[in-house]
Amino acid sequence: MNLLRLLRPHQWVKNAFVLLPVLFSGVLEARGILNVSEVILPVFVAFCAWSSAVYVLNDIVDRKADATHPRKKNRPIASGKVSVSLASVVGFLLVIVPIVWFTVQSVSGNEGENVSQHALLVLVTGCAYLVNSLLYCFWVKKQAILDVFSIAFGFVIRILAGCGALGVMPSSWILVCTFSVALFLGFGKRRAEIAILTPENEFRSVLRNYSSEFLNILLAISGSLSLMTYLLYTLDPHTAELHHTQSLIFSVPFVFFGIFRYAQNVLSGKFDGPDEVLLRDPIFLINSILWCICIQIIFMFR
C-alpha cells in the first residue's frame, strides 16, 4: 500500500492531456475506437509511469522539507515507511521500462514504418518530459514563475506525445490553450500553498518570491488567456473545417465554469492542487464530465 501511495496514482489524472488529441483530431471517426485505443493507451500508461517516477524522485529530494509539512509529512518516504533505496529502484524501473518498450517499437518495424515513426515521436517527447522534470526537481522549482512555466511545458509535452502517437499535427490553438490552462492550474496550486502557510513554516522555498496579491494577478491573467484561447479555438474556421461543425462554441460555458470553479477552490485554501479539486470537488468533476459529453454530442450530430 505504501508503494502504491508512493506512485501517487491520484495524480495520473493529469496525464489525460495525452488523450486530448483523440477528442480534437478527428481520428476516432477515421480509424475507430479500438484502433485508436490500441495506439494511445500505451502512451497514457507510459506517462503515468514517468510522472510517478518524477514524484518518487521529488519525494526523495524533498523528504526533509516534506517531514515538516502538515499534509506531506505522511508521504511514504518523508514518514520513513518506504526507504530511499527501495524508492530509487522503483523510480528507475518506472523510467526504463516504457523507454525500452517504445525503443523496441521504434526500431522493430514489424508493424509498419508509420508505427515505428510514431513510437519514436513518443520516445522523444517522453525523454523531453523527463529532462524537463529533472530540471524542475533540481533547479527550476526554486525559481519563481519559471517553476510554473516548467509545469506548463510538461502538459504541452503530453499533448505532443498524444499527437505523435496518433500521427496528427496539433493545432496551434490547442497548444496555446493547453499552455495557458496549465499556467492557470500551476499558479492556482501556488496560491493554495500560500493559503496554508504560517509564520513558523515555509514548506517551499520558491514561495518567498510569491505573494497572495501577485498570485491573484497571475491567476487572473492566465485564466483570462485560457478562456480567450479556447473561445478563439472554437471560432477558428480551421477548427470548423476539421470537425465539420461550428457548434463547438456550445462547449464554452463548461470551460468558463470550470475555470471559475477552480479559482474559487484554490482561493479558499481547501485543496492542494488541481488533482484534489478534480477528485474531491463533485461539482467540478461533474462539470468536467458534462464538457466531455457535450463535445461527443456535438461530434455525433454535426
C-alpha atoms as a PDB file:
ATOM      1  CA  MET A   1       0.000   0.000   0.000  1.00  0.00           C
ATOM      2  CA  ASN A   2       2.826   2.418   0.822  1.00  0.00           C
ATOM      3  CA  LEU A   3       4.464   1.671  -2.529  1.00  0.00           C
ATOM      4  CA  LEU A   4       1.186   2.445  -4.278  1.00  0.00           C
ATOM      5  CA  ARG A   5       0.888   5.717  -2.364  1.00  0.00           C
ATOM      6  CA  LEU A   6       4.459   6.494  -3.374  1.00  0.00           C
ATOM      7  CA  LEU A   7       3.385   6.441  -7.040  1.00  0.00           C
ATOM      8  CA  ARG A   8       0.588   8.963  -6.362  1.00  0.00           C
ATOM      9  CA  PRO A   9      -1.997   7.324  -8.664  1.00  0.00           C
ATOM     10  CA  HIS A  10      -4.433  10.184  -7.993  1.00  0.00           C
ATOM     11  CA  GLN A  11      -2.033  12.403  -9.956  1.00  0.00           C
ATOM     12  CA  TRP A  12      -2.398  10.269 -13.081  1.00  0.00           C
ATOM     13  CA  VAL A  13      -5.471  12.281 -13.981  1.00  0.00           C
ATOM     14  CA  LYS A  14      -3.066  14.951 -15.294  1.00  0.00           C
ATOM     15  CA  ASN A  15      -1.937  12.511 -17.981  1.00  0.00           C
ATOM     16  CA  ALA A  16      -5.414  12.694 -19.505  1.00  0.00           C
ATOM     17  CA  PHE A  17      -3.884  15.517 -21.583  1.00  0.00           C
ATOM     18  CA  VAL A  18      -2.242  12.728 -23.590  1.00  0.00           C
ATOM     19  CA  LEU A  19      -5.754  11.666 -24.640  1.00  0.00           C
ATOM     20  CA  LEU A  20      -6.992  15.105 -25.733  1.00  0.00           C
ATOM     21  CA  PRO A  21      -5.780  14.704 -29.345  1.00  0.00           C
ATOM     22  CA  VAL A  22      -8.238  11.806 -29.611  1.00  0.00           C
ATOM     23  CA  LEU A  23     -11.079  14.258 -28.980  1.00  0.00           C
ATOM     24  CA  PHE A  24      -9.853  17.096 -31.163  1.00  0.00           C
ATOM     25  CA  SER A  25      -8.104  15.458 -34.130  1.00  0.00           C
ATOM     26  CA  GLY A  26     -10.975  13.551 -35.737  1.00  0.00           C
ATOM     27  CA  VAL A  27      -9.126  10.218 -35.549  1.00  0.00           C
ATOM     28  CA  LEU A  28     -11.984   8.357 -33.863  1.00  0.00           C
ATOM     29  CA  GLU A  29     -14.205   8.823 -36.887  1.00  0.00           C
ATOM     30  CA  ALA A  30     -11.450   7.841 -39.316  1.00  0.00           C
ATOM     31  CA  ARG A  31      -9.915   4.855 -37.504  1.00  0.00           C
ATOM     32  CA  GLY A  32     -12.409   3.592 -34.933  1.00  0.00           C
ATOM     33  CA  ILE A  33     -12.172   3.432 -31.166  1.00  0.00           C
ATOM     34  CA  LEU A  34     -10.398   0.053 -30.984  1.00  0.00           C
ATOM     35  CA  ASN A  35      -7.567   1.082 -33.293  1.00  0.00           C
ATOM     36  CA  VAL A  36      -7.132   4.428 -31.556  1.00  0.00           C
ATOM     37  CA  SER A  37      -7.202   2.844 -28.079  1.00  0.00           C
ATOM     38  CA  GLU A  38      -4.510   0.359 -29.067  1.00  0.00           C
ATOM     39  CA  VAL A  39      -2.258   3.251 -30.051  1.00  0.00           C
ATOM     40  CA  ILE A  40      -2.964   5.847 -27.371  1.00  0.00           C
ATOM     41  CA  LEU A  41      -3.432   3.809 -24.186  1.00  0.00           C
ATOM     42  CA  PRO A  42       0.223   2.605 -24.040  1.00  0.00           C
ATOM     43  CA  VAL A  43       1.282   6.256 -24.237  1.00  0.00           C
ATOM     44  CA  PHE A  44      -1.045   7.157 -21.378  1.00  0.00           C
ATOM     45  CA  VAL A  45       0.334   4.268 -19.283  1.00  0.00           C
ATOM     46  CA  ALA A  46       3.913   5.321 -20.101  1.00  0.00           C
ATOM     47  CA  PHE A  47       3.317   8.892 -18.951  1.00  0.00           C
ATOM     48  CA  CYS A  48       1.667   7.605 -15.787  1.00  0.00           C
ATOM     49  CA  ALA A  49       4.850   5.614 -15.114  1.00  0.00           C
ATOM     50  CA  TRP A  50       7.139   8.529 -15.967  1.00  0.00           C
ATOM     51  CA  SER A  51       5.166  11.016 -13.880  1.00  0.00           C
ATOM     52  CA  SER A  52       5.193   8.596 -10.932  1.00  0.00           C
ATOM     53  CA  ALA A  53       8.971   8.253 -11.321  1.00  0.00           C
ATOM     54  CA  VAL A  54       9.262  12.036 -11.150  1.00  0.00           C
ATOM     55  CA  TYR A  55       7.133  12.113  -7.992  1.00  0.00           C
ATOM     56  CA  VAL A  56       9.367   9.445  -6.441  1.00  0.00           C
ATOM     57  CA  LEU A  57      12.465  11.494  -7.258  1.00  0.00           C
ATOM     58  CA  ASN A  58      10.851  14.666  -5.943  1.00  0.00           C
ATOM     59  CA  ASP A  59       9.872  12.933  -2.709  1.00  0.00           C
ATOM     60  CA  ILE A  60      13.426  11.677  -2.253  1.00  0.00           C
ATOM     61  CA  VAL A  61      14.893  15.139  -2.812  1.00  0.00           C
ATOM     62  CA  ASP A  62      12.301  16.915  -0.621  1.00  0.00           C
ATOM     63  CA  ARG A  63      11.938  14.310   2.126  1.00  0.00           C
ATOM     64  CA  LYS A  64      13.313  16.577   4.877  1.00  0.00           C
ATOM     65  CA  ALA A  65      11.122  19.542   3.926  1.00  0.00           C
ATOM     66  CA  ASP A  66       8.089  17.283   3.493  1.00  0.00           C
ATOM     67  CA  ALA A  67       8.559  15.977   7.036  1.00  0.00           C
ATOM     68  CA  THR A  68       7.582  19.441   8.390  1.00  0.00           C
ATOM     69  CA  HIS A  69       4.575  19.893   6.079  1.00  0.00           C
ATOM     70  CA  PRO A  70       1.105  19.332   7.646  1.00  0.00           C
ATOM     71  CA  ARG A  71      -0.032  17.163   4.697  1.00  0.00           C
ATOM     72  CA  LYS A  72       3.159  15.916   3.065  1.00  0.00           C
ATOM     73  CA  LYS A  73       4.683  14.580   6.291  1.00  0.00           C
ATOM     74  CA  ASN A  74       2.587  11.429   5.838  1.00  0.00           C
ATOM     75  CA  ARG A  75       4.090  10.609   2.434  1.00  0.00           C
ATOM     76  CA  PRO A  76       5.834   7.196   2.418  1.00  0.00           C
ATOM     77  CA  ILE A  77       9.408   8.494   2.144  1.00  0.00           C
ATOM     78  CA  ALA A  78       9.010  11.512   4.443  1.00  0.00           C
ATOM     79  CA  SER A  79       7.404   9.327   7.111  1.00  0.00           C
ATOM     80  CA  GLY A  80      10.077   6.624   6.745  1.00  0.00           C
ATOM     81  CA  LYS A  81       7.619   3.923   5.660  1.00  0.00           C
ATOM     82  CA  VAL A  82       9.492   3.444   2.355  1.00  0.00           C
ATOM     83  CA  SER A  83      13.293   3.573   2.272  1.00  0.00           C
ATOM     84  CA  VAL A  84      15.188   5.809  -0.130  1.00  0.00           C
ATOM     85  CA  SER A  85      16.955   2.800  -1.684  1.00  0.00           C
ATOM     86  CA  LEU A  86      13.696   0.960  -2.425  1.00  0.00           C
ATOM     87  CA  ALA A  87      12.122   4.136  -3.793  1.00  0.00           C
ATOM     88  CA  SER A  88      15.145   4.648  -6.057  1.00  0.00           C
ATOM     89  CA  VAL A  89      14.801   1.159  -7.543  1.00  0.00           C
ATOM     90  CA  VAL A  90      11.070   1.664  -8.134  1.00  0.00           C
ATOM     91  CA  GLY A  91      11.679   5.030  -9.770  1.00  0.00           C
ATOM     92  CA  PHE A  92      14.370   3.627 -12.050  1.00  0.00           C
ATOM     93  CA  LEU A  93      12.094   0.817 -13.242  1.00  0.00           C
ATOM     94  CA  LEU A  94       9.259   3.260 -13.898  1.00  0.00           C
ATOM     95  CA  VAL A  95      11.565   5.271 -16.149  1.00  0.00           C
ATOM     96  CA  ILE A  96      13.345   2.499 -18.006  1.00  0.00           C
ATOM     97  CA  VAL A  97      10.515   0.053 -18.798  1.00  0.00           C
ATOM     98  CA  PRO A  98       8.473   2.459 -21.004  1.00  0.00           C
ATOM     99  CA  ILE A  99      11.670   3.691 -22.679  1.00  0.00           C
ATOM    100  CA  VAL A 100      12.643   0.119 -23.569  1.00  0.00           C
ATOM    101  CA  TRP A 101       9.107  -0.584 -24.836  1.00  0.00           C
ATOM    102  CA  PHE A 102       8.968   2.385 -27.213  1.00  0.00           C
ATOM    103  CA  THR A 103      12.585   1.888 -28.283  1.00  0.00           C
ATOM    104  CA  VAL A 104      11.751  -1.658 -29.373  1.00  0.00           C
ATOM    105  CA  GLN A 105       8.632  -0.369 -31.130  1.00  0.00           C
ATOM    106  CA  SER A 106      10.590   2.321 -32.965  1.00  0.00           C
ATOM    107  CA  VAL A 107      13.364   0.038 -34.249  1.00  0.00           C
ATOM    108  CA  SER A 108      11.478  -3.199 -34.925  1.00  0.00           C
ATOM    109  CA  GLY A 109       9.454  -2.034 -37.903  1.00  0.00           C
ATOM    110  CA  ASN A 110       7.366  -5.200 -37.699  1.00  0.00           C
ATOM    111  CA  GLU A 111       4.077  -3.322 -37.830  1.00  0.00           C
ATOM    112  CA  GLY A 112       4.963  -0.781 -40.485  1.00  0.00           C
ATOM    113  CA  GLU A 113       7.040   2.328 -40.924  1.00  0.00           C
ATOM    114  CA  ASN A 114       4.335   4.640 -39.530  1.00  0.00           C
ATOM    115  CA  VAL A 115       4.137   2.691 -36.263  1.00  0.00           C
ATOM    116  CA  SER A 116       7.917   2.928 -35.860  1.00  0.00           C
ATOM    117  CA  GLN A 117       7.902   6.670 -36.535  1.00  0.00           C
ATOM    118  CA  HIS A 118       5.060   7.269 -34.108  1.00  0.00           C
ATOM    119  CA  ALA A 119       6.790   5.225 -31.390  1.00  0.00           C
ATOM    120  CA  LEU A 120       9.951   7.268 -31.961  1.00  0.00           C
ATOM    121  CA  LEU A 121       7.986  10.503 -31.560  1.00  0.00           C
ATOM    122  CA  VAL A 122       6.547   9.239 -28.279  1.00  0.00           C
ATOM    123  CA  LEU A 123      10.040   8.270 -27.126  1.00  0.00           C
ATOM    124  CA  VAL A 124      11.416  11.721 -27.973  1.00  0.00           C
ATOM    125  CA  THR A 125       8.580  13.547 -26.216  1.00  0.00           C
ATOM    126  CA  GLY A 126       8.905  11.205 -23.238  1.00  0.00           C
ATOM    127  CA  CYS A 127      12.612  11.991 -22.930  1.00  0.00           C
ATOM    128  CA  ALA A 128      11.811  15.703 -23.217  1.00  0.00           C
ATOM    129  CA  TYR A 129       9.287  15.316 -20.399  1.00  0.00           C
ATOM    130  CA  LEU A 130      11.864  13.553 -18.206  1.00  0.00           C
ATOM    131  CA  VAL A 131      14.556  16.181 -18.893  1.00  0.00           C
ATOM    132  CA  ASN A 132      12.099  18.974 -18.106  1.00  0.00           C
ATOM    133  CA  SER A 133      11.104  17.163 -14.910  1.00  0.00           C
ATOM    134  CA  LEU A 134      14.732  16.644 -13.830  1.00  0.00           C
ATOM    135  CA  LEU A 135      15.467  20.330 -14.335  1.00  0.00           C
ATOM    136  CA  TYR A 136      12.391  21.126 -12.293  1.00  0.00           C
ATOM    137  CA  CYS A 137      13.337  18.829  -9.408  1.00  0.00           C
ATOM    138  CA  PHE A 138      16.889  20.083  -9.043  1.00  0.00           C
ATOM    139  CA  TRP A 139      16.728  23.769 -10.002  1.00  0.00           C
ATOM    140  CA  VAL A 140      13.650  25.220 -11.695  1.00  0.00           C
ATOM    141  CA  LYS A 141      11.257  24.595  -8.794  1.00  0.00           C
ATOM    142  CA  LYS A 142      13.215  27.182  -6.797  1.00  0.00           C
ATOM    143  CA  GLN A 143      12.749  29.880  -9.480  1.00  0.00           C
ATOM    144  CA  ALA A 144       9.527  31.883  -9.214  1.00  0.00           C
ATOM    145  CA  ILE A 145       7.340  31.962 -12.361  1.00  0.00           C
ATOM    146  CA  LEU A 146       9.802  29.722 -14.192  1.00  0.00           C
ATOM    147  CA  ASP A 147       8.695  26.868 -11.936  1.00  0.00           C
ATOM    148  CA  VAL A 148       5.105  27.105 -13.172  1.00  0.00           C
ATOM    149  CA  PHE A 149       6.297  27.533 -16.761  1.00  0.00           C
ATOM    150  CA  SER A 150       8.133  24.223 -16.417  1.00  0.00           C
ATOM    151  CA  ILE A 151       4.944  22.557 -15.169  1.00  0.00           C
ATOM    152  CA  ALA A 152       3.039  24.046 -18.129  1.00  0.00           C
ATOM    153  CA  PHE A 153       5.643  22.734 -20.583  1.00  0.00           C
ATOM    154  CA  GLY A 154       5.034  19.276 -19.116  1.00  0.00           C
ATOM    155  CA  PHE A 155       1.366  19.465 -20.109  1.00  0.00           C
ATOM    156  CA  VAL A 156       2.210  20.678 -23.609  1.00  0.00           C
ATOM    157  CA  ILE A 157       4.641  17.764 -23.979  1.00  0.00           C
ATOM    158  CA  ARG A 158       1.805  15.391 -23.065  1.00  0.00           C
ATOM    159  CA  ILE A 159      -0.310  16.839 -25.881  1.00  0.00           C
ATOM    160  CA  LEU A 160       2.592  16.462 -28.315  1.00  0.00           C
ATOM    161  CA  ALA A 161       3.093  12.850 -27.224  1.00  0.00           C
ATOM    162  CA  GLY A 162      -0.556  12.046 -27.906  1.00  0.00           C
ATOM    163  CA  CYS A 163      -0.354  13.721 -31.313  1.00  0.00           C
ATOM    164  CA  GLY A 164       2.879  11.887 -32.101  1.00  0.00           C
ATOM    165  CA  ALA A 165       1.355   8.519 -31.230  1.00  0.00           C
ATOM    166  CA  LEU A 166      -1.642   9.195 -33.461  1.00  0.00           C
ATOM    167  CA  GLY A 167       0.386  10.749 -36.264  1.00  0.00           C
ATOM    168  CA  VAL A 168      -1.580  14.013 -36.280  1.00  0.00           C
ATOM    169  CA  MET A 169      -0.471  17.634 -36.236  1.00  0.00           C
ATOM    170  CA  PRO A 170      -1.512  19.590 -33.130  1.00  0.00           C
ATOM    171  CA  SER A 171      -3.486  22.774 -33.647  1.00  0.00           C
ATOM    172  CA  SER A 172      -1.665  25.950 -32.655  1.00  0.00           C
ATOM    173  CA  TRP A 173      -4.727  26.979 -30.670  1.00  0.00           C
ATOM    174  CA  ILE A 174      -4.730  23.713 -28.719  1.00  0.00           C
ATOM    175  CA  LEU A 175      -1.068  24.131 -27.792  1.00  0.00           C
ATOM    176  CA  VAL A 176      -1.546  27.746 -26.682  1.00  0.00           C
ATOM    177  CA  CYS A 177      -4.742  26.869 -24.812  1.00  0.00           C
ATOM    178  CA  THR A 178      -3.062  23.912 -23.083  1.00  0.00           C
ATOM    179  CA  PHE A 179      -0.114  26.074 -22.050  1.00  0.00           C
ATOM    180  CA  SER A 180      -2.326  28.842 -20.669  1.00  0.00           C
ATOM    181  CA  VAL A 181      -4.610  26.394 -18.822  1.00  0.00           C
ATOM    182  CA  ALA A 182      -1.533  24.702 -17.332  1.00  0.00           C
ATOM    183  CA  LEU A 183      -0.210  28.084 -16.182  1.00  0.00           C
ATOM    184  CA  PHE A 184      -3.579  28.753 -14.563  1.00  0.00           C
ATOM    185  CA  LEU A 185      -3.515  25.380 -12.784  1.00  0.00           C
ATOM    186  CA  GLY A 186       0.102  25.875 -11.682  1.00  0.00           C
ATOM    187  CA  PHE A 187      -0.388  29.379 -10.301  1.00  0.00           C
ATOM    188  CA  GLY A 188      -3.558  28.105  -8.614  1.00  0.00           C
ATOM    189  CA  LYS A 189      -1.516  25.412  -6.871  1.00  0.00           C
ATOM    190  CA  ARG A 190       0.964  28.023  -5.640  1.00  0.00           C
ATOM    191  CA  ARG A 191      -1.933  30.164  -4.420  1.00  0.00           C
ATOM    192  CA  ALA A 192      -3.335  27.185  -2.499  1.00  0.00           C
ATOM    193  CA  GLU A 193       0.083  26.604  -0.921  1.00  0.00           C
ATOM    194  CA  ILE A 194       0.308  30.264   0.113  1.00  0.00           C
ATOM    195  CA  ALA A 195      -3.082  29.933   1.806  1.00  0.00           C
ATOM    196  CA  ILE A 196      -1.834  27.295   4.283  1.00  0.00           C
ATOM    197  CA  LEU A 197       1.483  28.961   5.168  1.00  0.00           C
ATOM    198  CA  THR A 198       2.123  30.022   8.745  1.00  0.00           C
ATOM    199  CA  PRO A 199       4.911  32.261  10.088  1.00  0.00           C
ATOM    200  CA  GLU A 200       6.558  29.199  11.629  1.00  0.00           C
ATOM    201  CA  ASN A 201       6.581  27.045   8.498  1.00  0.00           C
ATOM    202  CA  GLU A 202       7.636  27.680   4.935  1.00  0.00           C
ATOM    203  CA  PHE A 203       7.328  24.481   3.001  1.00  0.00           C
ATOM    204  CA  ARG A 204       8.531  25.529  -0.440  1.00  0.00           C
ATOM    205  CA  SER A 205      11.424  27.987  -0.787  1.00  0.00           C
ATOM    206  CA  VAL A 206      10.093  29.461  -4.042  1.00  0.00           C
ATOM    207  CA  LEU A 207       7.054  30.778  -2.133  1.00  0.00           C
ATOM    208  CA  ARG A 208       9.308  33.501  -0.723  1.00  0.00           C
ATOM    209  CA  ASN A 209       9.113  35.134  -4.162  1.00  0.00           C
ATOM    210  CA  TYR A 210       5.321  34.890  -4.380  1.00  0.00           C
ATOM    211  CA  SER A 211       2.578  36.703  -2.519  1.00  0.00           C
ATOM    212  CA  SER A 212      -1.178  36.253  -2.436  1.00  0.00           C
ATOM    213  CA  GLU A 213      -1.700  39.513  -4.322  1.00  0.00           C
ATOM    214  CA  PHE A 214       0.868  38.658  -7.002  1.00  0.00           C
ATOM    215  CA  LEU A 215      -0.590  35.168  -7.497  1.00  0.00           C
ATOM    216  CA  ASN A 216      -4.105  36.609  -7.734  1.00  0.00           C
ATOM    217  CA  ILE A 217      -2.897  38.771 -10.627  1.00  0.00           C
ATOM    218  CA  LEU A 218      -1.198  35.798 -12.317  1.00  0.00           C
ATOM    219  CA  LEU A 219      -4.350  33.715 -11.857  1.00  0.00           C
ATOM    220  CA  ALA A 220      -6.472  36.447 -13.438  1.00  0.00           C
ATOM    221  CA  ILE A 221      -4.139  36.802 -16.417  1.00  0.00           C
ATOM    222  CA  SER A 222      -3.660  33.083 -17.097  1.00  0.00           C
ATOM    223  CA  GLY A 223      -7.348  32.345 -16.502  1.00  0.00           C
ATOM    224  CA  SER A 224      -8.408  35.071 -18.931  1.00  0.00           C
ATOM    225  CA  LEU A 225      -5.903  33.815 -21.503  1.00  0.00           C
ATOM    226  CA  SER A 226      -7.228  30.260 -21.104  1.00  0.00           C
ATOM    227  CA  LEU A 227     -10.796  31.365 -21.724  1.00  0.00           C
ATOM    228  CA  MET A 228      -9.860  33.540 -24.682  1.00  0.00           C
ATOM    229  CA  THR A 229      -7.728  30.922 -26.443  1.00  0.00           C
ATOM    230  CA  TYR A 230     -10.373  28.204 -26.051  1.00  0.00           C
ATOM    231  CA  LEU A 231     -13.070  30.573 -27.301  1.00  0.00           C
ATOM    232  CA  LEU A 232     -10.964  31.530 -30.334  1.00  0.00           C
ATOM    233  CA  TYR A 233     -10.233  27.847 -30.984  1.00  0.00           C
ATOM    234  CA  THR A 234     -13.948  27.054 -31.204  1.00  0.00           C
ATOM    235  CA  LEU A 235     -14.460  30.005 -33.586  1.00  0.00           C
ATOM    236  CA  ASP A 236     -11.459  29.250 -35.812  1.00  0.00           C
ATOM    237  CA  PRO A 237     -12.528  28.354 -39.385  1.00  0.00           C
ATOM    238  CA  HIS A 238      -9.859  25.616 -39.471  1.00  0.00           C
ATOM    239  CA  THR A 239     -11.484  24.025 -36.419  1.00  0.00           C
ATOM    240  CA  ALA A 240     -14.875  24.053 -38.137  1.00  0.00           C
ATOM    241  CA  GLU A 241     -13.306  22.575 -41.269  1.00  0.00           C
ATOM    242  CA  LEU A 242     -11.529  19.809 -39.339  1.00  0.00           C
ATOM    243  CA  HIS A 243     -14.542  18.737 -37.295  1.00  0.00           C
ATOM    244  CA  HIS A 244     -17.225  19.605 -39.876  1.00  0.00           C
ATOM    245  CA  THR A 245     -19.133  21.656 -37.324  1.00  0.00           C
ATOM    246  CA  GLN A 246     -19.330  25.167 -35.948  1.00  0.00           C
ATOM    247  CA  SER A 247     -21.078  24.027 -32.770  1.00  0.00           C
ATOM    248  CA  LEU A 248     -18.022  23.686 -30.505  1.00  0.00           C
ATOM    249  CA  ILE A 249     -18.916  27.148 -29.248  1.00  0.00           C
ATOM    250  CA  PHE A 250     -21.622  25.462 -27.147  1.00  0.00           C
ATOM    251  CA  SER A 251     -18.918  23.780 -25.041  1.00  0.00           C
ATOM    252  CA  VAL A 252     -17.536  27.160 -23.935  1.00  0.00           C
ATOM    253  CA  PRO A 253     -19.828  27.628 -20.869  1.00  0.00           C
ATOM    254  CA  PHE A 254     -18.477  24.426 -19.313  1.00  0.00           C
ATOM    255  CA  VAL A 255     -14.905  25.688 -19.734  1.00  0.00           C
ATOM    256  CA  PHE A 256     -15.807  29.072 -18.248  1.00  0.00           C
ATOM    257  CA  PHE A 257     -17.492  27.433 -15.256  1.00  0.00           C
ATOM    258  CA  GLY A 258     -14.513  25.083 -14.743  1.00  0.00           C
ATOM    259  CA  ILE A 259     -12.052  27.986 -14.694  1.00  0.00           C
ATOM    260  CA  PHE A 260     -14.175  29.974 -12.244  1.00  0.00           C
ATOM    261  CA  ARG A 261     -14.815  26.958 -10.010  1.00  0.00           C
ATOM    262  CA  TYR A 262     -11.120  26.077  -9.838  1.00  0.00           C
ATOM    263  CA  ALA A 263     -10.257  29.673  -8.922  1.00  0.00           C
ATOM    264  CA  GLN A 264     -12.885  29.595  -6.178  1.00  0.00           C
ATOM    265  CA  ASN A 265     -11.480  26.351  -4.784  1.00  0.00           C
ATOM    266  CA  VAL A 266      -7.817  27.376  -4.682  1.00  0.00           C
ATOM    267  CA  LEU A 267      -8.602  30.765  -3.175  1.00  0.00           C
ATOM    268  CA  SER A 268     -10.498  29.027  -0.396  1.00  0.00           C
ATOM    269  CA  GLY A 269      -7.339  27.096   0.589  1.00  0.00           C
ATOM    270  CA  LYS A 270      -9.232  23.806   0.934  1.00  0.00           C
ATOM    271  CA  PHE A 271      -7.359  21.973  -1.827  1.00  0.00           C
ATOM    272  CA  ASP A 272      -3.686  21.376  -2.511  1.00  0.00           C
ATOM    273  CA  GLY A 273      -3.800  21.350  -6.324  1.00  0.00           C
ATOM    274  CA  PRO A 274      -5.799  20.583  -9.486  1.00  0.00           C
ATOM    275  CA  ASP A 275      -5.867  16.826  -8.883  1.00  0.00           C
ATOM    276  CA  GLU A 276      -7.501  17.329  -5.485  1.00  0.00           C
ATOM    277  CA  VAL A 277     -10.017  19.780  -6.951  1.00  0.00           C
ATOM    278  CA  LEU A 278     -10.986  17.295  -9.672  1.00  0.00           C
ATOM    279  CA  LEU A 279     -11.241  14.284  -7.370  1.00  0.00           C
ATOM    280  CA  ARG A 280     -12.700  15.913  -4.256  1.00  0.00           C
ATOM    281  CA  ASP A 281     -14.991  18.608  -5.647  1.00  0.00           C
ATOM    282  CA  PRO A 282     -18.040  16.810  -7.102  1.00  0.00           C
ATOM    283  CA  ILE A 283     -19.318  19.943  -8.835  1.00  0.00           C
ATOM    284  CA  PHE A 284     -16.027  20.454 -10.671  1.00  0.00           C
ATOM    285  CA  LEU A 285     -15.909  16.749 -11.597  1.00  0.00           C
ATOM    286  CA  ILE A 286     -19.496  16.746 -12.884  1.00  0.00           C
ATOM    287  CA  ASN A 287     -18.789  19.851 -14.951  1.00  0.00           C
ATOM    288  CA  SER A 288     -15.721  18.152 -16.491  1.00  0.00           C
ATOM    289  CA  ILE A 289     -17.793  15.084 -17.383  1.00  0.00           C
ATOM    290  CA  LEU A 290     -20.529  17.262 -18.872  1.00  0.00           C
ATOM    291  CA  TRP A 291     -17.919  19.043 -21.007  1.00  0.00           C
ATOM    292  CA  CYS A 292     -16.744  15.699 -22.411  1.00  0.00           C
ATOM    293  CA  ILE A 293     -20.338  14.623 -23.060  1.00  0.00           C
ATOM    294  CA  CYS A 294     -21.077  17.944 -24.755  1.00  0.00           C
ATOM    295  CA  ILE A 295     -18.090  17.508 -27.080  1.00  0.00           C
ATOM    296  CA  GLN A 296     -19.200  13.997 -28.019  1.00  0.00           C
ATOM    297  CA  ILE A 297     -22.790  15.103 -28.670  1.00  0.00           C
ATOM    298  CA  ILE A 298     -21.548  17.932 -30.894  1.00  0.00           C
ATOM    299  CA  PHE A 299     -19.457  15.464 -32.902  1.00  0.00           C
ATOM    300  CA  MET A 300     -22.307  12.936 -33.118  1.00  0.00           C
ATOM    301  CA  PHE A 301     -24.845  15.418 -34.527  1.00  0.00           C
ATOM    302  CA  ARG A 302     -22.590  17.558 -36.710  1.00  0.00           C
END
